[in-house]
Structure formats: C-alpha cells, structure tokens
Amino acid sequence: PAWHKWNGYLALTLILFRLMWGFVGGSTARFANFVALPGRALAYLRAAAGEPQRFLGHNPLGGWMVVALIGLVGLQCVSGLFAADEDRLVIEGPLVGLVADSTVSFAARWHHRLFDALQILVALHVVATLFYTFVRREPLIAAMVTGSKPRAPYVDQKTAQPGSWLAAGVCLAVAATIVFGGILAAGGKL
C-alpha cells in the first residue's frame, strides 16, 4: 500500500495547488469568479427549469460542487495522514506516531466515511456534467478536456483569461513543499 500513501500525497499536493490557483489562476479558475452566495445558487437552481443561463466558467451550483469536492478531498487527505488500519500492519499514515491511538481510530473512521461521501459527490458531479452536456447541449466535457468553450453570450465572463504557467509552476512547487516538507518537519515518515 505504498501506492495508497503516495496517491494521498499527490492528492493533497493537488488540493493545495488548486486552493492557491483559485486566487492566482486563470479567470475561470478563480474562486471570486465562480463561488456565488448561497442565495444566488438557489436562485439559479429555481430558474434552471426555464431558459438556461450559460456560464463560461462554473455556474453557481457547479461552483459550490467545486468547493465541496476540494473540501472533501482535502479532509480525506488530512485524515489519511493520521489514519491506520486496525492492526497497523498494512498501512498507516505518516503522522500516526504523533497522535494518540484514539485519534488514529477517529481519523481512520472518518477517512472511510469521507471516501463514501466523496463517491456520492463524484457521482453527482458526473451526472450533472452529463446532463448539461447531453440534455442542455453545453459542451462541458469538451471544455474540461480542451480548456475552452465556443464563443457565446455568457452570463459570468465574455472571454477567459488563462493563468500564467510560471504562477502554476510556483503554486505546484509551494504545494509540494508544504506537503512533503510539512510531513517531514512534523516528524513524520514518508
């Protein structure tokens, strides 16, 4: 299960990267451009039965899904740092030795629960993406792959401004340093 731990480190690095990218990334990646107030998300949901509004980035519900997925994956990763299997023979997180057995049990229990919740959210996200792609005829899957949508009158932005490759590289390096450096600085073992 070394691959399990390394996948966790990678996921945590990507979550930290995405959090930073949400402030310095391209226009459609910035939280300020797609995380709506809850009232606006509810209004979007109520209006969804009528003529759909088109968004270049995430619509208000999609924005909250991004927040939920980032939050759940982040919690999943952090709980894994402190979790272990019952006998600690197969796998244990790198920071298990720093906490009490009761904390390890608590983290392991939540690590499993969060995975179940994450599967539900991922399924909802896939269903919503398929709905918007095939029922609403928005090219979301193509946009996820290519990073662009066709020109149209969008509610949120007229055009997307890409993020800087340099900023992306810096964010990724900082995220990896925080994850790996943090584990080692705390006395954990990779």
N, C-alpha and C. Protein backbone atom coordinates (compact mmCIF):
# COMPACT_ATOMS: atom_id res chain seq x y z
N PRO A 1 0.77 -1.24 0.00
CA PRO A 1 0.00 0.00 0.00
C PRO A 1 0.81 1.29 0.00
N ALA A 2 2.06 1.18 -0.42
CA ALA A 2 2.82 2.42 -0.58
C ALA A 2 2.14 3.30 -1.62
N TRP A 3 1.55 2.69 -2.66
CA TRP A 3 0.87 3.47 -3.70
C TRP A 3 -0.29 4.26 -3.10
N HIS A 4 -0.96 3.70 -2.09
CA HIS A 4 -2.08 4.39 -1.44
C HIS A 4 -1.59 5.68 -0.79
N LYS A 5 -0.49 5.58 -0.07
CA LYS A 5 0.06 6.77 0.59
C LYS A 5 0.53 7.79 -0.43
N TRP A 6 1.23 7.33 -1.49
CA TRP A 6 1.73 8.27 -2.48
C TRP A 6 0.60 8.92 -3.27
N ASN A 7 -0.47 8.18 -3.51
CA ASN A 7 -1.65 8.80 -4.13
C ASN A 7 -2.23 9.87 -3.20
N GLY A 8 -2.23 9.60 -1.91
CA GLY A 8 -2.70 10.59 -0.94
C GLY A 8 -1.83 11.84 -0.93
N TYR A 9 -0.51 11.66 -0.97
CA TYR A 9 0.39 12.82 -1.02
C TYR A 9 0.15 13.63 -2.29
N LEU A 10 -0.02 12.92 -3.41
CA LEU A 10 -0.29 13.60 -4.67
C LEU A 10 -1.62 14.36 -4.61
N ALA A 11 -2.65 13.70 -4.08
CA ALA A 11 -3.96 14.36 -3.97
C ALA A 11 -3.88 15.59 -3.08
N LEU A 12 -3.19 15.49 -1.95
CA LEU A 12 -3.07 16.64 -1.05
C LEU A 12 -2.28 17.77 -1.72
N THR A 13 -1.23 17.41 -2.46
CA THR A 13 -0.47 18.42 -3.19
C THR A 13 -1.36 19.12 -4.21
N LEU A 14 -2.17 18.35 -4.93
CA LEU A 14 -3.06 18.94 -5.94
C LEU A 14 -4.15 19.80 -5.31
N ILE A 15 -4.64 19.39 -4.14
CA ILE A 15 -5.64 20.21 -3.44
C ILE A 15 -5.04 21.54 -3.03
N LEU A 16 -3.84 21.52 -2.46
CA LEU A 16 -3.19 22.78 -2.08
C LEU A 16 -2.90 23.63 -3.31
N PHE A 17 -2.45 22.97 -4.40
CA PHE A 17 -2.25 23.69 -5.65
C PHE A 17 -3.55 24.37 -6.08
N ARG A 18 -4.66 23.62 -6.06
CA ARG A 18 -5.95 24.17 -6.52
C ARG A 18 -6.42 25.32 -5.65
N LEU A 19 -6.16 25.23 -4.35
CA LEU A 19 -6.53 26.34 -3.47
C LEU A 19 -5.75 27.61 -3.85
N MET A 20 -4.46 27.48 -4.08
CA MET A 20 -3.66 28.64 -4.49
C MET A 20 -4.09 29.12 -5.87
N TRP A 21 -4.32 28.19 -6.80
CA TRP A 21 -4.71 28.53 -8.16
C TRP A 21 -6.06 29.25 -8.16
N GLY A 22 -6.87 29.00 -7.18
CA GLY A 22 -8.16 29.68 -7.06
C GLY A 22 -8.02 31.18 -6.79
N PHE A 23 -6.82 31.63 -6.44
CA PHE A 23 -6.58 33.05 -6.20
C PHE A 23 -5.69 33.69 -7.26
N VAL A 24 -4.82 32.90 -7.91
CA VAL A 24 -3.88 33.48 -8.87
C VAL A 24 -4.02 32.90 -10.28
N GLY A 25 -4.91 31.94 -10.46
CA GLY A 25 -5.05 31.26 -11.75
C GLY A 25 -5.83 32.05 -12.77
N GLY A 26 -6.20 31.36 -13.83
CA GLY A 26 -6.97 31.97 -14.90
C GLY A 26 -8.34 32.44 -14.41
N SER A 27 -9.00 33.22 -15.23
CA SER A 27 -10.26 33.85 -14.81
C SER A 27 -11.34 32.84 -14.44
N THR A 28 -11.43 31.73 -15.15
CA THR A 28 -12.48 30.76 -14.81
C THR A 28 -12.10 29.87 -13.63
N ALA A 29 -10.83 29.90 -13.21
CA ALA A 29 -10.38 29.09 -12.08
C ALA A 29 -10.44 29.85 -10.76
N ARG A 30 -10.58 31.16 -10.82
CA ARG A 30 -10.55 31.96 -9.58
C ARG A 30 -11.87 31.84 -8.82
N PHE A 31 -11.74 31.58 -7.54
CA PHE A 31 -12.91 31.43 -6.68
C PHE A 31 -13.83 32.64 -6.75
N ALA A 32 -13.25 33.81 -6.82
CA ALA A 32 -14.05 35.04 -6.85
C ALA A 32 -14.98 35.09 -8.06
N ASN A 33 -14.64 34.33 -9.12
CA ASN A 33 -15.45 34.35 -10.33
C ASN A 33 -16.49 33.25 -10.40
N PHE A 34 -16.47 32.30 -9.47
CA PHE A 34 -17.49 31.25 -9.57
C PHE A 34 -18.11 30.80 -8.25
N VAL A 35 -17.60 31.23 -7.14
CA VAL A 35 -18.24 30.85 -5.87
C VAL A 35 -19.26 31.94 -5.55
N ALA A 36 -20.52 31.58 -5.70
CA ALA A 36 -21.61 32.54 -5.52
C ALA A 36 -22.15 32.46 -4.10
N LEU A 37 -22.80 33.52 -3.69
CA LEU A 37 -23.50 33.47 -2.40
C LEU A 37 -24.59 32.39 -2.48
N PRO A 38 -24.90 31.74 -1.36
CA PRO A 38 -25.90 30.67 -1.39
C PRO A 38 -27.23 31.09 -2.01
N GLY A 39 -27.67 32.32 -1.76
CA GLY A 39 -28.93 32.80 -2.34
C GLY A 39 -28.89 32.81 -3.86
N ARG A 40 -27.75 33.18 -4.42
CA ARG A 40 -27.61 33.20 -5.88
C ARG A 40 -27.63 31.78 -6.44
N ALA A 41 -27.01 30.85 -5.72
CA ALA A 41 -27.03 29.45 -6.17
C ALA A 41 -28.45 28.90 -6.13
N LEU A 42 -29.21 29.23 -5.10
CA LEU A 42 -30.60 28.77 -5.01
C LEU A 42 -31.45 29.41 -6.10
N ALA A 43 -31.22 30.68 -6.38
CA ALA A 43 -31.96 31.35 -7.46
C ALA A 43 -31.64 30.70 -8.80
N TYR A 44 -30.39 30.33 -9.01
CA TYR A 44 -30.00 29.64 -10.24
C TYR A 44 -30.73 28.31 -10.34
N LEU A 45 -30.80 27.59 -9.24
CA LEU A 45 -31.48 26.29 -9.22
C LEU A 45 -32.96 26.45 -9.54
N ARG A 46 -33.61 27.46 -8.95
CA ARG A 46 -35.04 27.70 -9.22
C ARG A 46 -35.27 28.08 -10.67
N ALA A 47 -34.36 28.84 -11.26
CA ALA A 47 -34.52 29.29 -12.64
C ALA A 47 -34.08 28.24 -13.65
N ALA A 48 -33.45 27.17 -13.20
CA ALA A 48 -32.88 26.17 -14.11
C ALA A 48 -33.94 25.47 -14.96
N ALA A 49 -35.17 25.41 -14.50
CA ALA A 49 -36.23 24.75 -15.27
C ALA A 49 -36.59 25.55 -16.53
N GLY A 50 -36.35 26.86 -16.49
CA GLY A 50 -36.68 27.70 -17.64
C GLY A 50 -35.53 27.77 -18.62
N GLU A 51 -35.39 28.90 -19.25
CA GLU A 51 -34.30 29.12 -20.20
C GLU A 51 -32.97 29.13 -19.44
N PRO A 52 -32.08 28.22 -19.77
CA PRO A 52 -30.83 28.13 -19.01
C PRO A 52 -29.90 29.30 -19.27
N GLN A 53 -29.27 29.76 -18.19
CA GLN A 53 -28.22 30.76 -18.33
C GLN A 53 -26.94 30.02 -18.67
N ARG A 54 -26.13 30.62 -19.51
CA ARG A 54 -24.87 29.98 -19.90
C ARG A 54 -23.71 30.69 -19.21
N PHE A 55 -22.82 29.88 -18.69
CA PHE A 55 -21.64 30.38 -17.98
C PHE A 55 -20.38 29.90 -18.68
N LEU A 56 -19.42 30.80 -18.83
CA LEU A 56 -18.14 30.41 -19.41
C LEU A 56 -17.38 29.53 -18.42
N GLY A 57 -17.45 29.89 -17.15
CA GLY A 57 -16.84 29.09 -16.09
C GLY A 57 -17.91 28.23 -15.43
N HIS A 58 -17.79 28.04 -14.14
CA HIS A 58 -18.78 27.23 -13.41
C HIS A 58 -20.04 28.04 -13.14
N ASN A 59 -21.19 27.38 -13.27
CA ASN A 59 -22.43 28.05 -12.86
C ASN A 59 -22.46 28.05 -11.33
N PRO A 60 -23.39 28.79 -10.70
CA PRO A 60 -23.38 28.89 -9.24
C PRO A 60 -23.45 27.54 -8.51
N LEU A 61 -24.19 26.57 -9.03
CA LEU A 61 -24.23 25.25 -8.40
C LEU A 61 -22.92 24.50 -8.62
N GLY A 62 -22.39 24.60 -9.82
CA GLY A 62 -21.11 23.96 -10.12
C GLY A 62 -19.98 24.52 -9.27
N GLY A 63 -20.05 25.82 -8.99
CA GLY A 63 -19.05 26.44 -8.13
C GLY A 63 -19.07 25.85 -6.73
N TRP A 64 -20.27 25.62 -6.21
CA TRP A 64 -20.37 25.01 -4.88
C TRP A 64 -19.95 23.56 -4.91
N MET A 65 -20.15 22.87 -6.03
CA MET A 65 -19.68 21.50 -6.15
C MET A 65 -18.15 21.47 -6.10
N VAL A 66 -17.51 22.43 -6.77
CA VAL A 66 -16.05 22.51 -6.73
C VAL A 66 -15.58 22.70 -5.29
N VAL A 67 -16.22 23.61 -4.57
CA VAL A 67 -15.85 23.86 -3.18
C VAL A 67 -16.03 22.59 -2.34
N ALA A 68 -17.15 21.90 -2.54
CA ALA A 68 -17.42 20.67 -1.79
C ALA A 68 -16.39 19.59 -2.12
N LEU A 69 -16.07 19.42 -3.39
CA LEU A 69 -15.09 18.40 -3.78
C LEU A 69 -13.70 18.72 -3.24
N ILE A 70 -13.29 19.97 -3.33
CA ILE A 70 -11.99 20.37 -2.78
C ILE A 70 -11.97 20.13 -1.27
N GLY A 71 -13.04 20.52 -0.60
CA GLY A 71 -13.10 20.33 0.84
C GLY A 71 -13.06 18.87 1.25
N LEU A 72 -13.87 18.04 0.57
CA LEU A 72 -13.90 16.62 0.92
C LEU A 72 -12.59 15.91 0.61
N VAL A 73 -12.01 16.19 -0.55
CA VAL A 73 -10.73 15.55 -0.88
C VAL A 73 -9.66 16.02 0.10
N GLY A 74 -9.68 17.29 0.44
CA GLY A 74 -8.72 17.81 1.43
C GLY A 74 -8.86 17.13 2.78
N LEU A 75 -10.10 17.00 3.26
CA LEU A 75 -10.33 16.32 4.53
C LEU A 75 -9.94 14.85 4.45
N GLN A 76 -10.22 14.22 3.31
CA GLN A 76 -9.84 12.83 3.09
C GLN A 76 -8.32 12.68 3.22
N CYS A 77 -7.59 13.57 2.60
CA CYS A 77 -6.13 13.51 2.64
C CYS A 77 -5.60 13.76 4.05
N VAL A 78 -6.11 14.77 4.72
CA VAL A 78 -5.64 15.10 6.06
C VAL A 78 -5.96 13.97 7.03
N SER A 79 -7.16 13.39 6.93
CA SER A 79 -7.49 12.28 7.82
C SER A 79 -6.57 11.10 7.56
N GLY A 80 -6.17 10.89 6.31
CA GLY A 80 -5.26 9.80 5.98
C GLY A 80 -3.87 9.97 6.57
N LEU A 81 -3.47 11.21 6.82
CA LEU A 81 -2.17 11.43 7.44
C LEU A 81 -2.09 10.83 8.84
N PHE A 82 -3.25 10.73 9.50
CA PHE A 82 -3.31 10.28 10.89
C PHE A 82 -4.01 8.93 11.04
N ALA A 83 -4.42 8.31 9.94
CA ALA A 83 -5.19 7.07 9.99
C ALA A 83 -4.29 5.85 9.81
N ALA A 84 -4.80 4.72 10.27
CA ALA A 84 -4.10 3.44 10.08
C ALA A 84 -5.14 2.34 10.06
N ASP A 85 -4.76 1.18 9.50
CA ASP A 85 -5.66 0.04 9.58
C ASP A 85 -5.67 -0.46 11.03
N GLU A 86 -6.58 -1.35 11.35
CA GLU A 86 -6.78 -1.77 12.74
C GLU A 86 -5.51 -2.32 13.38
N ASP A 87 -4.79 -3.13 12.66
CA ASP A 87 -3.59 -3.77 13.23
C ASP A 87 -2.30 -3.00 12.92
N ARG A 88 -2.42 -1.97 12.11
CA ARG A 88 -1.26 -1.19 11.67
C ARG A 88 -0.22 -2.07 10.98
N LEU A 89 -0.71 -3.09 10.31
CA LEU A 89 0.20 -3.99 9.60
C LEU A 89 0.27 -3.67 8.12
N VAL A 90 -0.84 -3.18 7.58
CA VAL A 90 -0.91 -2.95 6.14
C VAL A 90 -0.54 -1.51 5.80
N ILE A 91 -1.16 -0.58 6.48
CA ILE A 91 -0.92 0.83 6.13
C ILE A 91 -1.16 1.71 7.35
N GLU A 92 -0.33 2.75 7.44
CA GLU A 92 -0.56 3.79 8.43
C GLU A 92 -0.05 5.10 7.87
N GLY A 93 -0.77 6.15 8.22
CA GLY A 93 -0.39 7.47 7.74
C GLY A 93 0.94 7.91 8.32
N PRO A 94 1.59 8.87 7.68
CA PRO A 94 2.92 9.27 8.10
C PRO A 94 2.97 10.00 9.44
N LEU A 95 1.83 10.48 9.92
CA LEU A 95 1.82 11.22 11.18
C LEU A 95 1.17 10.44 12.32
N VAL A 96 0.93 9.15 12.12
CA VAL A 96 0.29 8.30 13.12
C VAL A 96 1.07 8.30 14.43
N GLY A 97 2.38 8.28 14.34
CA GLY A 97 3.21 8.23 15.55
C GLY A 97 3.15 9.48 16.41
N LEU A 98 2.52 10.53 15.90
CA LEU A 98 2.47 11.79 16.65
C LEU A 98 1.20 11.97 17.47
N VAL A 99 0.24 11.06 17.32
CA VAL A 99 -1.05 11.23 17.98
C VAL A 99 -1.43 9.98 18.76
N ALA A 100 -2.40 10.12 19.64
CA ALA A 100 -2.87 9.01 20.46
C ALA A 100 -3.62 7.98 19.61
N ASP A 101 -3.71 6.76 20.12
CA ASP A 101 -4.42 5.69 19.41
C ASP A 101 -5.88 6.07 19.14
N SER A 102 -6.50 6.78 20.08
CA SER A 102 -7.90 7.18 19.88
C SER A 102 -8.02 8.14 18.70
N THR A 103 -7.03 8.98 18.51
CA THR A 103 -7.03 9.91 17.36
C THR A 103 -6.83 9.13 16.06
N VAL A 104 -5.97 8.12 16.09
CA VAL A 104 -5.75 7.28 14.91
C VAL A 104 -7.04 6.58 14.53
N SER A 105 -7.76 6.03 15.51
CA SER A 105 -9.04 5.35 15.25
C SER A 105 -10.06 6.33 14.70
N PHE A 106 -10.13 7.51 15.30
CA PHE A 106 -11.05 8.55 14.85
C PHE A 106 -10.75 8.93 13.40
N ALA A 107 -9.46 9.15 13.10
CA ALA A 107 -9.07 9.54 11.74
C ALA A 107 -9.38 8.43 10.75
N ALA A 108 -9.14 7.18 11.13
CA ALA A 108 -9.42 6.05 10.23
C ALA A 108 -10.91 5.93 9.95
N ARG A 109 -11.73 6.11 10.98
CA ARG A 109 -13.18 6.04 10.80
C ARG A 109 -13.65 7.12 9.83
N TRP A 110 -13.14 8.34 10.02
CA TRP A 110 -13.54 9.44 9.14
C TRP A 110 -12.94 9.33 7.76
N HIS A 111 -11.77 8.72 7.67
CA HIS A 111 -11.16 8.51 6.35
C HIS A 111 -12.08 7.64 5.49
N HIS A 112 -12.68 6.61 6.08
CA HIS A 112 -13.61 5.74 5.36
C HIS A 112 -14.93 6.45 5.06
N ARG A 113 -15.45 7.18 6.03
CA ARG A 113 -16.71 7.90 5.82
C ARG A 113 -16.58 8.97 4.74
N LEU A 114 -15.50 9.70 4.78
CA LEU A 114 -15.28 10.74 3.78
C LEU A 114 -15.16 10.16 2.38
N PHE A 115 -14.56 8.97 2.28
CA PHE A 115 -14.46 8.32 0.98
C PHE A 115 -15.85 8.00 0.44
N ASP A 116 -16.74 7.53 1.31
CA ASP A 116 -18.12 7.25 0.88
C ASP A 116 -18.81 8.53 0.42
N ALA A 117 -18.66 9.61 1.18
CA ALA A 117 -19.26 10.89 0.80
C ALA A 117 -18.67 11.40 -0.52
N LEU A 118 -17.38 11.20 -0.68
CA LEU A 118 -16.70 11.63 -1.90
C LEU A 118 -17.23 10.89 -3.12
N GLN A 119 -17.48 9.59 -2.98
CA GLN A 119 -18.03 8.83 -4.09
C GLN A 119 -19.40 9.36 -4.50
N ILE A 120 -20.21 9.74 -3.52
CA ILE A 120 -21.53 10.30 -3.81
C ILE A 120 -21.40 11.62 -4.56
N LEU A 121 -20.52 12.50 -4.07
CA LEU A 121 -20.34 13.79 -4.75
C LEU A 121 -19.78 13.63 -6.15
N VAL A 122 -18.84 12.73 -6.32
CA VAL A 122 -18.28 12.49 -7.66
C VAL A 122 -19.37 11.99 -8.60
N ALA A 123 -20.20 11.08 -8.12
CA ALA A 123 -21.31 10.57 -8.95
C ALA A 123 -22.27 11.71 -9.33
N LEU A 124 -22.61 12.56 -8.37
CA LEU A 124 -23.48 13.72 -8.67
C LEU A 124 -22.83 14.64 -9.69
N HIS A 125 -21.53 14.86 -9.54
CA HIS A 125 -20.81 15.73 -10.47
C HIS A 125 -20.82 15.14 -11.89
N VAL A 126 -20.60 13.85 -11.99
CA VAL A 126 -20.60 13.19 -13.31
C VAL A 126 -22.00 13.26 -13.93
N VAL A 127 -23.03 12.99 -13.13
CA VAL A 127 -24.41 13.05 -13.64
C VAL A 127 -24.74 14.47 -14.09
N ALA A 128 -24.37 15.47 -13.30
CA ALA A 128 -24.65 16.86 -13.68
C ALA A 128 -23.91 17.23 -14.97
N THR A 129 -22.66 16.80 -15.09
CA THR A 129 -21.89 17.09 -16.29
C THR A 129 -22.53 16.44 -17.52
N LEU A 130 -22.93 15.20 -17.37
CA LEU A 130 -23.60 14.52 -18.48
C LEU A 130 -24.93 15.19 -18.83
N PHE A 131 -25.69 15.61 -17.82
CA PHE A 131 -26.95 16.31 -18.04
C PHE A 131 -26.73 17.60 -18.84
N TYR A 132 -25.77 18.41 -18.39
CA TYR A 132 -25.52 19.67 -19.08
C TYR A 132 -24.96 19.44 -20.48
N THR A 133 -24.19 18.38 -20.66
CA THR A 133 -23.61 18.11 -21.98
C THR A 133 -24.66 17.58 -22.96
N PHE A 134 -25.45 16.62 -22.53
CA PHE A 134 -26.34 15.94 -23.48
C PHE A 134 -27.78 16.46 -23.47
N VAL A 135 -28.26 16.98 -22.36
CA VAL A 135 -29.63 17.50 -22.30
C VAL A 135 -29.63 18.99 -22.59
N ARG A 136 -28.80 19.73 -21.92
CA ARG A 136 -28.74 21.19 -22.11
C ARG A 136 -27.86 21.60 -23.29
N ARG A 137 -27.18 20.65 -23.88
CA ARG A 137 -26.35 20.88 -25.06
C ARG A 137 -25.23 21.91 -24.83
N GLU A 138 -24.66 21.88 -23.62
CA GLU A 138 -23.48 22.70 -23.35
C GLU A 138 -22.27 21.78 -23.46
N PRO A 139 -21.24 22.20 -24.15
CA PRO A 139 -20.09 21.31 -24.37
C PRO A 139 -19.16 21.24 -23.16
N LEU A 140 -19.69 20.80 -22.01
CA LEU A 140 -18.89 20.79 -20.79
C LEU A 140 -17.75 19.78 -20.83
N ILE A 141 -18.01 18.60 -21.33
CA ILE A 141 -16.96 17.59 -21.35
C ILE A 141 -15.82 18.05 -22.27
N ALA A 142 -16.17 18.56 -23.43
CA ALA A 142 -15.14 19.08 -24.34
C ALA A 142 -14.38 20.23 -23.68
N ALA A 143 -15.09 21.10 -22.96
CA ALA A 143 -14.44 22.23 -22.30
C ALA A 143 -13.51 21.77 -21.18
N MET A 144 -13.87 20.69 -20.50
CA MET A 144 -12.99 20.16 -19.46
C MET A 144 -11.70 19.61 -20.06
N VAL A 145 -11.80 19.05 -21.24
CA VAL A 145 -10.63 18.45 -21.89
C VAL A 145 -9.76 19.53 -22.54
N THR A 146 -10.40 20.44 -23.26
CA THR A 146 -9.65 21.43 -24.04
C THR A 146 -9.36 22.71 -23.27
N GLY A 147 -10.16 23.00 -22.25
CA GLY A 147 -9.99 24.24 -21.50
C GLY A 147 -10.65 25.43 -22.15
N SER A 148 -11.49 25.21 -23.17
CA SER A 148 -12.17 26.33 -23.80
C SER A 148 -13.58 25.94 -24.23
N LYS A 149 -14.41 26.96 -24.36
CA LYS A 149 -15.79 26.80 -24.83
C LYS A 149 -15.96 27.68 -26.07
N PRO A 150 -16.94 27.33 -26.90
CA PRO A 150 -17.19 28.19 -28.07
C PRO A 150 -17.70 29.57 -27.65
N ARG A 151 -17.49 30.53 -28.51
CA ARG A 151 -17.99 31.88 -28.23
C ARG A 151 -19.51 31.85 -28.11
N ALA A 152 -20.00 32.54 -27.09
CA ALA A 152 -21.44 32.62 -26.85
C ALA A 152 -21.66 33.75 -25.85
N PRO A 153 -22.91 34.18 -25.71
CA PRO A 153 -23.18 35.20 -24.68
C PRO A 153 -23.26 34.55 -23.30
N TYR A 154 -22.17 34.65 -22.55
CA TYR A 154 -22.12 34.05 -21.21
C TYR A 154 -22.48 35.08 -20.15
N VAL A 155 -23.07 34.60 -19.09
CA VAL A 155 -23.53 35.47 -18.00
C VAL A 155 -22.36 35.97 -17.16
N ASP A 156 -21.36 35.12 -16.94
CA ASP A 156 -20.31 35.45 -15.98
C ASP A 156 -19.12 36.21 -16.58
N GLN A 157 -18.65 35.83 -17.77
CA GLN A 157 -17.48 36.46 -18.39
C GLN A 157 -17.65 36.39 -19.91
N LYS A 158 -17.11 37.38 -20.60
CA LYS A 158 -17.17 37.34 -22.06
C LYS A 158 -16.11 36.39 -22.61
N THR A 159 -14.90 36.49 -22.10
CA THR A 159 -13.80 35.62 -22.53
C THR A 159 -13.00 35.18 -21.31
N ALA A 160 -12.32 34.08 -21.45
CA ALA A 160 -11.48 33.57 -20.37
C ALA A 160 -10.06 34.11 -20.51
N GLN A 161 -9.48 34.45 -19.39
CA GLN A 161 -8.08 34.87 -19.36
C GLN A 161 -7.28 33.73 -18.74
N PRO A 162 -6.37 33.12 -19.50
CA PRO A 162 -5.63 31.99 -18.95
C PRO A 162 -4.68 32.42 -17.83
N GLY A 163 -4.35 31.47 -16.99
CA GLY A 163 -3.39 31.73 -15.93
C GLY A 163 -1.97 31.61 -16.46
N SER A 164 -1.04 32.07 -15.68
CA SER A 164 0.37 32.06 -16.04
C SER A 164 0.97 30.68 -15.75
N TRP A 165 1.75 30.17 -16.71
CA TRP A 165 2.46 28.90 -16.49
C TRP A 165 3.46 29.04 -15.35
N LEU A 166 4.08 30.20 -15.24
CA LEU A 166 5.03 30.44 -14.15
C LEU A 166 4.31 30.39 -12.80
N ALA A 167 3.16 31.05 -12.72
CA ALA A 167 2.39 31.02 -11.48
C ALA A 167 1.95 29.60 -11.15
N ALA A 168 1.57 28.82 -12.17
CA ALA A 168 1.17 27.43 -11.94
C ALA A 168 2.34 26.62 -11.40
N GLY A 169 3.52 26.81 -11.98
CA GLY A 169 4.71 26.11 -11.52
C GLY A 169 5.07 26.46 -10.08
N VAL A 170 4.97 27.75 -9.76
CA VAL A 170 5.26 28.20 -8.40
C VAL A 170 4.24 27.61 -7.43
N CYS A 171 2.96 27.66 -7.79
CA CYS A 171 1.92 27.09 -6.92
C CYS A 171 2.16 25.60 -6.68
N LEU A 172 2.52 24.88 -7.73
CA LEU A 172 2.76 23.44 -7.58
C LEU A 172 3.98 23.17 -6.70
N ALA A 173 5.05 23.94 -6.88
CA ALA A 173 6.25 23.77 -6.06
C ALA A 173 5.97 24.09 -4.60
N VAL A 174 5.22 25.15 -4.37
CA VAL A 174 4.87 25.53 -2.99
C VAL A 174 3.99 24.45 -2.36
N ALA A 175 3.02 23.95 -3.11
CA ALA A 175 2.13 22.91 -2.58
C ALA A 175 2.92 21.66 -2.22
N ALA A 176 3.81 21.22 -3.10
CA ALA A 176 4.62 20.02 -2.83
C ALA A 176 5.52 20.24 -1.62
N THR A 177 6.08 21.43 -1.51
CA THR A 177 6.95 21.75 -0.37
C THR A 177 6.16 21.71 0.93
N ILE A 178 4.95 22.25 0.91
CA ILE A 178 4.12 22.23 2.12
C ILE A 178 3.79 20.80 2.52
N VAL A 179 3.39 19.97 1.56
CA VAL A 179 3.00 18.59 1.88
C VAL A 179 4.20 17.80 2.37
N PHE A 180 5.23 17.69 1.56
CA PHE A 180 6.36 16.83 1.92
C PHE A 180 7.21 17.45 3.03
N GLY A 181 7.44 18.75 2.93
CA GLY A 181 8.19 19.43 3.98
C GLY A 181 7.44 19.43 5.30
N GLY A 182 6.13 19.61 5.22
CA GLY A 182 5.31 19.61 6.44
C GLY A 182 5.32 18.27 7.15
N ILE A 183 5.20 17.19 6.38
CA ILE A 183 5.22 15.86 6.97
C ILE A 183 6.56 15.59 7.64
N LEU A 184 7.64 15.92 6.94
CA LEU A 184 8.98 15.68 7.49
C LEU A 184 9.26 16.59 8.68
N ALA A 185 8.85 17.88 8.59
CA ALA A 185 9.07 18.83 9.69
C ALA A 185 8.30 18.42 10.94
N ALA A 186 7.14 17.77 10.75
CA ALA A 186 6.34 17.34 11.91
C ALA A 186 6.89 16.06 12.53
N GLY A 187 7.91 15.49 11.88
CA GLY A 187 8.48 14.27 12.40
C GLY A 187 7.87 13.00 11.80
N GLY A 188 7.10 13.17 10.75
CA GLY A 188 6.50 12.03 10.09
C GLY A 188 7.48 11.34 9.17
N LYS A 189 7.09 10.17 8.71
CA LYS A 189 7.93 9.42 7.78
C LYS A 189 7.14 9.17 6.50
N LEU A 190 7.80 9.38 5.37
CA LEU A 190 7.13 9.22 4.08
C LEU A 190 7.04 7.77 3.68
